[in-house]
């Protein structure tokens, strides 16, 4: 343990009553990755029973929105509603997961107010909206692309907020370069790259729909 009895950076971070992580990195990441793959596989198989109405892209989008929605609601919900996760005498899986993630961003262990505000918005709006997007894509709702575009813009804004506030606060919240690249950058890059691609696609679909509407009214 470094600093004040914890492994995080900066060393002067105060975490009263800190209880060391019990699960290893493999024991934490393997269930998360396995559960994520199971969710994606289940959605892919179920979407394949829609009688060919859905394209392969639509089915992949459903997998993404199910994964991201459940991640926002379940994992980030566990963080938000467990303020003492770093000091619980008998930590559960989610407690250790965020102790592990805090090695890449100690603002989670510190319960940084900016992070808490971002998570409240994520859990309250982006999570449920992502799950609604699964239904919207599957049902081919007219609002599907508008909804997806809105969520993507929200996710991109959240990522910008996340990275910029870290930079302004000193950019020293990770234990080592490995955790910086693996967690701070790597774990969050999906919510930059994929929403950007989806936003561009939905924007084009919305523009095409408006153009088609104009032609019909001429």
Protein backbone atom coordinates (compact mmCIF):
# COMPACT_ATOMS: atom_id res chain seq x y z
CA UNK A 1 0.00 0.00 0.00
CA UNK A 2 1.19 3.49 -0.83
CA UNK A 3 0.33 6.90 0.54
CA UNK A 4 -2.41 6.82 3.15
CA UNK A 5 -2.83 3.04 3.23
CA UNK A 6 -4.23 2.70 -0.31
CA UNK A 7 -2.68 2.03 -3.74
CA UNK A 8 -4.15 5.05 -5.53
CA UNK A 9 -2.78 8.26 -6.96
CA UNK A 10 -2.31 10.94 -5.76
CA UNK A 11 -0.70 9.45 -2.65
CA UNK A 12 -2.20 12.13 -0.38
CA UNK A 13 -5.74 11.07 -1.25
CA UNK A 14 -7.68 10.47 1.97
CA UNK A 15 -9.76 7.26 2.10
CA UNK A 16 -10.62 6.66 5.77
CA UNK A 17 -11.08 2.98 6.63
CA UNK A 18 -9.90 1.73 3.25
CA UNK A 19 -10.26 -2.06 2.90
CA UNK A 20 -7.88 -3.67 0.38
CA UNK A 21 -9.25 -5.27 -2.77
CA UNK A 22 -9.81 -9.01 -2.36
CA UNK A 23 -10.41 -10.13 -5.93
CA UNK A 24 -7.61 -10.18 -8.48
CA UNK A 25 -7.75 -8.29 -11.76
CA UNK A 26 -8.58 -11.51 -13.62
CA UNK A 27 -11.34 -12.40 -11.14
CA UNK A 28 -12.89 -8.98 -11.74
CA UNK A 29 -12.52 -8.61 -15.49
CA UNK A 30 -13.39 -12.18 -16.51
CA UNK A 31 -16.98 -12.09 -15.12
CA UNK A 32 -17.55 -8.62 -16.58
CA UNK A 33 -16.35 -9.60 -20.05
CA UNK A 34 -18.17 -12.92 -19.88
CA UNK A 35 -21.46 -11.30 -18.84
CA UNK A 36 -21.08 -8.67 -21.57
CA UNK A 37 -20.56 -11.35 -24.21
CA UNK A 38 -23.57 -13.30 -22.93
CA UNK A 39 -25.78 -10.19 -23.15
CA UNK A 40 -24.60 -9.47 -26.69
CA UNK A 41 -25.04 -13.10 -27.73
CA UNK A 42 -28.55 -13.30 -26.25
CA UNK A 43 -29.65 -10.11 -28.00
CA UNK A 44 -28.08 -11.26 -31.28
CA UNK A 45 -29.90 -14.61 -31.15
CA UNK A 46 -33.25 -13.10 -30.15
CA UNK A 47 -33.01 -10.40 -32.82
CA UNK A 48 -32.38 -13.10 -35.40
CA UNK A 49 -35.88 -14.43 -34.77
CA UNK A 50 -37.53 -11.25 -36.05
CA UNK A 51 -38.32 -12.81 -39.42
CA UNK A 52 -35.57 -11.08 -41.35
CA UNK A 53 -37.01 -7.61 -40.66
CA UNK A 54 -33.75 -6.47 -39.09
CA UNK A 55 -30.49 -5.96 -40.93
CA UNK A 56 -27.20 -7.16 -39.50
CA UNK A 57 -26.39 -3.55 -38.59
CA UNK A 58 -29.66 -3.21 -36.68
CA UNK A 59 -28.90 -6.39 -34.75
CA UNK A 60 -25.40 -5.17 -33.88
CA UNK A 61 -26.89 -1.87 -32.72
CA UNK A 62 -29.28 -3.73 -30.46
CA UNK A 63 -26.35 -5.63 -28.93
CA UNK A 64 -24.50 -2.37 -28.31
CA UNK A 65 -27.46 -0.57 -26.79
CA UNK A 66 -28.27 -3.51 -24.53
CA UNK A 67 -24.65 -3.71 -23.36
CA UNK A 68 -24.24 0.01 -22.78
CA UNK A 69 -27.66 0.38 -21.16
CA UNK A 70 -27.07 -2.44 -18.67
CA UNK A 71 -23.54 -1.18 -17.98
CA UNK A 72 -24.89 2.28 -17.18
CA UNK A 73 -27.75 1.05 -15.01
CA UNK A 74 -26.25 -1.96 -13.23
CA UNK A 75 -22.53 -1.25 -12.83
CA UNK A 76 -22.65 2.52 -12.51
CA UNK A 77 -25.79 2.25 -10.39
CA UNK A 78 -23.88 0.00 -7.97
CA UNK A 79 -21.16 2.66 -7.73
CA UNK A 80 -23.54 5.57 -7.22
CA UNK A 81 -25.59 3.90 -4.50
CA UNK A 82 -22.62 2.46 -2.58
CA UNK A 83 -20.72 5.50 -1.27
CA UNK A 84 -18.71 3.36 1.16
CA UNK A 85 -17.53 0.75 -1.37
CA UNK A 86 -13.85 1.37 -0.55
CA UNK A 87 -14.32 0.82 3.20
CA UNK A 88 -16.82 -2.05 3.43
CA UNK A 89 -15.51 -4.85 5.66
CA UNK A 90 -17.08 -7.48 3.43
CA UNK A 91 -16.92 -6.06 -0.09
CA UNK A 92 -18.91 -7.63 -2.89
CA UNK A 93 -17.95 -8.00 -6.54
CA UNK A 94 -19.04 -4.47 -7.48
CA UNK A 95 -17.06 -2.94 -4.61
CA UNK A 96 -13.88 -4.62 -5.79
CA UNK A 97 -14.64 -3.77 -9.42
CA UNK A 98 -14.60 -0.05 -8.61
CA UNK A 99 -11.55 -0.41 -6.40
CA UNK A 100 -9.86 -1.91 -9.43
CA UNK A 101 -11.15 0.77 -11.81
CA UNK A 102 -10.04 3.48 -9.36
CA UNK A 103 -6.45 2.46 -10.12
CA UNK A 104 -7.06 4.12 -13.47
CA UNK A 105 -9.11 7.02 -12.07
CA UNK A 106 -8.99 7.61 -8.32
CA UNK A 107 -11.76 10.20 -8.59
CA UNK A 108 -14.14 7.24 -8.25
CA UNK A 109 -12.67 6.18 -4.93
CA UNK A 110 -12.64 9.83 -3.81
CA UNK A 111 -16.31 10.26 -4.79
CA UNK A 112 -15.46 13.36 -6.83
CA UNK A 113 -18.54 15.58 -7.16
CA UNK A 114 -18.09 15.99 -10.91
CA UNK A 115 -17.96 12.22 -11.36
CA UNK A 116 -21.04 11.77 -9.16
CA UNK A 117 -22.99 14.34 -11.18
CA UNK A 118 -21.97 12.66 -14.44
CA UNK A 119 -23.01 9.26 -13.12
CA UNK A 120 -26.39 10.56 -11.96
CA UNK A 121 -27.14 11.76 -15.48
CA UNK A 122 -25.81 8.52 -16.96
CA UNK A 123 -27.88 6.29 -14.72
CA UNK A 124 -31.02 8.41 -14.79
CA UNK A 125 -31.11 9.28 -18.49
CA UNK A 126 -28.56 7.59 -20.74
CA UNK A 127 -28.98 4.11 -19.25
CA UNK A 128 -32.77 3.88 -19.61
CA UNK A 129 -32.64 5.64 -22.99
CA UNK A 130 -30.13 3.05 -24.24
CA UNK A 131 -32.46 0.23 -23.24
CA UNK A 132 -35.32 2.05 -24.95
CA UNK A 133 -33.13 2.19 -28.07
CA UNK A 134 -33.02 -1.63 -28.12
CA UNK A 135 -36.81 -1.67 -28.35
CA UNK A 136 -36.89 1.19 -30.85
CA UNK A 137 -34.48 -0.53 -33.23
CA UNK A 138 -36.21 -3.91 -32.87
CA UNK A 139 -39.64 -2.37 -33.50
CA UNK A 140 -38.39 -0.04 -36.23
CA UNK A 141 -39.96 2.93 -34.48
CA UNK A 142 -40.03 6.26 -36.29
CA UNK A 143 -38.11 7.91 -33.45
CA UNK A 144 -35.31 5.31 -33.47
CA UNK A 145 -32.64 7.42 -35.16
CA UNK A 146 -33.55 10.59 -33.30
CA UNK A 147 -33.26 8.69 -30.02
CA UNK A 148 -29.96 7.09 -30.98
CA UNK A 149 -28.52 10.42 -32.09
CA UNK A 150 -29.55 12.06 -28.82
CA UNK A 151 -28.00 9.30 -26.70
CA UNK A 152 -24.79 9.38 -28.72
CA UNK A 153 -24.44 13.13 -28.31
CA UNK A 154 -25.03 12.69 -24.57
CA UNK A 155 -22.36 9.99 -24.36
CA UNK A 156 -19.86 12.06 -26.33
CA UNK A 157 -20.54 15.08 -24.13
CA UNK A 158 -20.08 12.90 -21.04
CA UNK A 159 -16.74 11.59 -22.30
CA UNK A 160 -15.51 15.10 -23.10
CA UNK A 161 -16.54 16.23 -19.61
CA UNK A 162 -14.81 13.21 -18.10
CA UNK A 163 -11.49 13.73 -19.89
CA UNK A 164 -11.40 17.53 -19.71
CA UNK A 165 -12.13 17.68 -15.96
CA UNK A 166 -9.36 15.12 -15.35
CA UNK A 167 -6.93 17.31 -17.29
CA UNK A 168 -7.97 20.50 -15.49
CA UNK A 169 -7.69 18.79 -12.09
CA UNK A 170 -4.09 17.73 -12.61
CA UNK A 171 -4.18 14.61 -14.77
CA UNK A 172 -2.67 12.45 -12.01
CA UNK A 173 -5.38 9.98 -11.08
CA UNK A 174 -3.83 6.69 -12.20
CA UNK A 175 -1.40 4.33 -10.53
CA UNK A 176 0.76 3.70 -13.60
CA UNK A 177 0.80 4.12 -17.40
CA UNK A 178 -0.76 0.66 -17.72
CA UNK A 179 -3.87 1.71 -15.81
CA UNK A 180 -3.98 5.02 -17.68
CA UNK A 181 -4.09 3.31 -21.07
CA UNK A 182 -6.09 0.22 -20.04
CA UNK A 183 -8.78 1.87 -17.89
CA UNK A 184 -8.81 5.65 -18.24
CA UNK A 185 -8.35 5.61 -22.01
CA UNK A 186 -9.11 2.06 -23.14
CA UNK A 187 -12.23 1.36 -21.08
CA UNK A 188 -13.77 4.67 -22.12
CA UNK A 189 -12.75 4.74 -25.79
CA UNK A 190 -15.73 2.57 -26.79
CA UNK A 191 -18.05 5.38 -25.68
CA UNK A 192 -16.22 7.75 -28.01
CA UNK A 193 -15.67 5.67 -31.15
CA UNK A 194 -18.96 3.73 -31.31
CA UNK A 195 -21.31 6.64 -30.47
CA UNK A 196 -19.51 8.75 -33.09
CA UNK A 197 -20.15 6.11 -35.76
CA UNK A 198 -23.78 5.66 -34.70
CA UNK A 199 -24.36 9.42 -34.56
CA UNK A 200 -23.07 9.85 -38.12
CA UNK A 201 -25.26 6.99 -39.35
CA UNK A 202 -28.39 8.29 -37.61
CA UNK A 203 -27.72 11.83 -38.83
CA UNK A 204 -27.56 10.58 -42.42
CA UNK A 205 -30.77 8.54 -41.95
CA UNK A 206 -32.63 11.53 -40.50
CA UNK A 207 -31.44 13.83 -43.30
CA UNK A 208 -32.46 11.25 -45.92
CA UNK A 209 -35.92 10.96 -44.36
CA UNK A 210 -36.40 14.74 -44.46
CA UNK A 211 -35.24 14.87 -48.08
CA UNK A 212 -37.71 12.11 -49.00
CA UNK A 213 -40.46 14.06 -47.24
CA UNK A 214 -39.63 17.18 -49.22
CA UNK A 215 -39.82 15.29 -52.51
CA UNK A 216 -43.27 13.96 -51.63
CA UNK A 217 -44.60 17.44 -50.93
CA UNK A 218 -43.41 18.93 -54.21
